[in-house]
Each structure stands twice: as C-alpha cells, then as structure tokens.
C-alpha cells in the first residue's frame, strides 16, 4: 500500500490506547457530548453536525494551537496555489 499510494502507513495494535494518543484524546472530546454507551442514532444529524463544528473549532496543541478548520483551509489554499 505504501508503494502504491506513495505514503506512509501507521499501524496501531488493537486495544493499545497508548499507541494512538491523539485518537483517544479526540474520542474524549466527542464523549463530552455523546456519553459512552449512548447510541449515536439517538442524535439528530443537526446535533452531530453541531458537535463536529465545535470539535473542529477547538485549537489543538498538536496543530500549533490552530484549529483543524484553519489547518484544513490552509492546506486547501496550498493545493489550489500549486494547481
């Protein structure tokens, strides 16, 4: 896969949360709104969208205290400038 896509592939072992700290941190953010054990289909699409907007507007240390939205928009700008 790495050769076909010219990208690096990262593998984390199942049930080893210490190997995927950022993912676990993001799960914790989502759990502020959707408690563990609560079915996600009990939420409306609008509620899920609002959670998504809130999460993507939260600055992250790993992103240099920028928001995921800011990083995504900057990357799109970079791609369009190159094209």
C-alpha atoms as a PDB file:
ATOM      1  CA  UNK A   1       0.000   0.000   0.000  1.00  0.00           C
ATOM      2  CA  UNK A   2       2.853   2.397   0.838  1.00  0.00           C
ATOM      3  CA  UNK A   3       4.380   1.881  -2.601  1.00  0.00           C
ATOM      4  CA  UNK A   4       1.089   2.253  -4.486  1.00  0.00           C
ATOM      5  CA  UNK A   5      -0.043   5.418  -2.715  1.00  0.00           C
ATOM      6  CA  UNK A   6       3.441   6.870  -2.107  1.00  0.00           C
ATOM      7  CA  UNK A   7       2.575   7.449   1.530  1.00  0.00           C
ATOM      8  CA  UNK A   8       3.491   6.060   4.924  1.00  0.00           C
ATOM      9  CA  UNK A   9       1.110   3.714   6.712  1.00  0.00           C
ATOM     10  CA  UNK A  10       0.899   3.719  10.506  1.00  0.00           C
ATOM     11  CA  UNK A  11      -0.349   0.622  12.320  1.00  0.00           C
ATOM     12  CA  UNK A  12      -1.587   0.671  15.887  1.00  0.00           C
ATOM     13  CA  UNK A  13      -2.294  -2.545  17.764  1.00  0.00           C
ATOM     14  CA  UNK A  14      -5.908  -3.117  18.815  1.00  0.00           C
ATOM     15  CA  UNK A  15      -6.721  -2.229  22.430  1.00  0.00           C
ATOM     16  CA  UNK A  16      -3.414  -0.378  22.857  1.00  0.00           C
ATOM     17  CA  UNK A  17      -4.543   3.169  23.515  1.00  0.00           C
ATOM     18  CA  UNK A  18      -1.011   4.363  24.323  1.00  0.00           C
ATOM     19  CA  UNK A  19      -0.126   3.926  20.634  1.00  0.00           C
ATOM     20  CA  UNK A  20      -2.872   6.267  19.470  1.00  0.00           C
ATOM     21  CA  UNK A  21      -2.973   9.109  21.952  1.00  0.00           C
ATOM     22  CA  UNK A  22      -4.371  11.763  19.612  1.00  0.00           C
ATOM     23  CA  UNK A  23      -7.210   9.482  18.569  1.00  0.00           C
ATOM     24  CA  UNK A  24      -8.039   8.710  22.202  1.00  0.00           C
ATOM     25  CA  UNK A  25      -7.962  12.430  23.027  1.00  0.00           C
ATOM     26  CA  UNK A  26     -10.417  13.130  20.195  1.00  0.00           C
ATOM     27  CA  UNK A  27     -12.682  10.355  21.438  1.00  0.00           C
ATOM     28  CA  UNK A  28     -12.666  12.091  24.831  1.00  0.00           C
ATOM     29  CA  UNK A  29     -13.736  15.356  23.216  1.00  0.00           C
ATOM     30  CA  UNK A  30     -16.651  13.649  21.490  1.00  0.00           C
ATOM     31  CA  UNK A  31     -17.613  11.931  24.780  1.00  0.00           C
ATOM     32  CA  UNK A  32     -18.339  15.391  26.224  1.00  0.00           C
ATOM     33  CA  UNK A  33     -21.442  15.329  24.032  1.00  0.00           C
ATOM     34  CA  UNK A  34     -22.102  11.636  23.419  1.00  0.00           C
ATOM     35  CA  UNK A  35     -21.581   9.565  26.581  1.00  0.00           C
ATOM     36  CA  UNK A  36     -20.112   6.088  26.247  1.00  0.00           C
ATOM     37  CA  UNK A  37     -22.880   3.524  25.841  1.00  0.00           C
ATOM     38  CA  UNK A  38     -25.358   6.015  24.347  1.00  0.00           C
ATOM     39  CA  UNK A  39     -26.447   5.123  20.829  1.00  0.00           C
ATOM     40  CA  UNK A  40     -25.333   7.644  18.254  1.00  0.00           C
ATOM     41  CA  UNK A  41     -28.521   7.100  16.263  1.00  0.00           C
ATOM     42  CA  UNK A  42     -30.432   8.745  19.122  1.00  0.00           C
ATOM     43  CA  UNK A  43     -28.923  12.072  17.961  1.00  0.00           C
ATOM     44  CA  UNK A  44     -30.193  14.081  15.012  1.00  0.00           C
ATOM     45  CA  UNK A  45     -27.987  14.910  12.036  1.00  0.00           C
ATOM     46  CA  UNK A  46     -28.064  18.542  13.170  1.00  0.00           C
ATOM     47  CA  UNK A  47     -26.829  17.620  16.661  1.00  0.00           C
ATOM     48  CA  UNK A  48     -23.983  15.565  15.189  1.00  0.00           C
ATOM     49  CA  UNK A  49     -23.128  18.435  12.853  1.00  0.00           C
ATOM     50  CA  UNK A  50     -23.025  20.875  15.784  1.00  0.00           C
ATOM     51  CA  UNK A  51     -20.656  18.545  17.668  1.00  0.00           C
ATOM     52  CA  UNK A  52     -18.467  18.315  14.573  1.00  0.00           C
ATOM     53  CA  UNK A  53     -18.344  22.111  14.173  1.00  0.00           C
ATOM     54  CA  UNK A  54     -17.461  22.541  17.859  1.00  0.00           C
ATOM     55  CA  UNK A  55     -14.696  19.908  17.683  1.00  0.00           C
ATOM     56  CA  UNK A  56     -13.188  21.374  14.518  1.00  0.00           C
ATOM     57  CA  UNK A  57     -13.204  24.874  16.033  1.00  0.00           C
ATOM     58  CA  UNK A  58     -11.185  23.835  19.089  1.00  0.00           C
ATOM     59  CA  UNK A  59      -7.472  24.804  18.903  1.00  0.00           C
ATOM     60  CA  UNK A  60      -5.092  21.861  19.246  1.00  0.00           C
ATOM     61  CA  UNK A  61      -1.573  21.910  20.652  1.00  0.00           C
ATOM     62  CA  UNK A  62      -0.516  19.305  18.067  1.00  0.00           C
ATOM     63  CA  UNK A  63      -1.545  21.794  15.358  1.00  0.00           C
ATOM     64  CA  UNK A  64       0.410  24.683  16.853  1.00  0.00           C
ATOM     65  CA  UNK A  65      -2.707  25.953  18.640  1.00  0.00           C
ATOM     66  CA  UNK A  66      -4.550  26.322  15.351  1.00  0.00           C
ATOM     67  CA  UNK A  67      -7.949  24.758  14.791  1.00  0.00           C
ATOM     68  CA  UNK A  68      -8.483  21.787  12.461  1.00  0.00           C
ATOM     69  CA  UNK A  69     -10.608  24.104  10.294  1.00  0.00           C
ATOM     70  CA  UNK A  70      -7.696  26.551   9.956  1.00  0.00           C
ATOM     71  CA  UNK A  71      -5.236  23.797   9.067  1.00  0.00           C
ATOM     72  CA  UNK A  72      -7.635  22.287   6.530  1.00  0.00           C
ATOM     73  CA  UNK A  73      -8.289  25.642   4.855  1.00  0.00           C
ATOM     74  CA  UNK A  74      -4.558  26.406   4.714  1.00  0.00           C
ATOM     75  CA  UNK A  75      -3.902  23.036   3.101  1.00  0.00           C
ATOM     76  CA  UNK A  76      -6.630  23.630   0.515  1.00  0.00           C
ATOM     77  CA  UNK A  77      -5.107  27.030  -0.262  1.00  0.00           C
ATOM     78  CA  UNK A  78      -1.692  25.383  -0.711  1.00  0.00           C
ATOM     79  CA  UNK A  79      -3.134  22.747  -3.042  1.00  0.00           C
ATOM     80  CA  UNK A  80      -5.014  25.287  -5.172  1.00  0.00           C
ATOM     81  CA  UNK A  81      -1.942  27.548  -5.452  1.00  0.00           C
ATOM     82  CA  UNK A  82       0.087  24.585  -6.739  1.00  0.00           C
ATOM     83  CA  UNK A  83      -2.511  23.670  -9.386  1.00  0.00           C
END
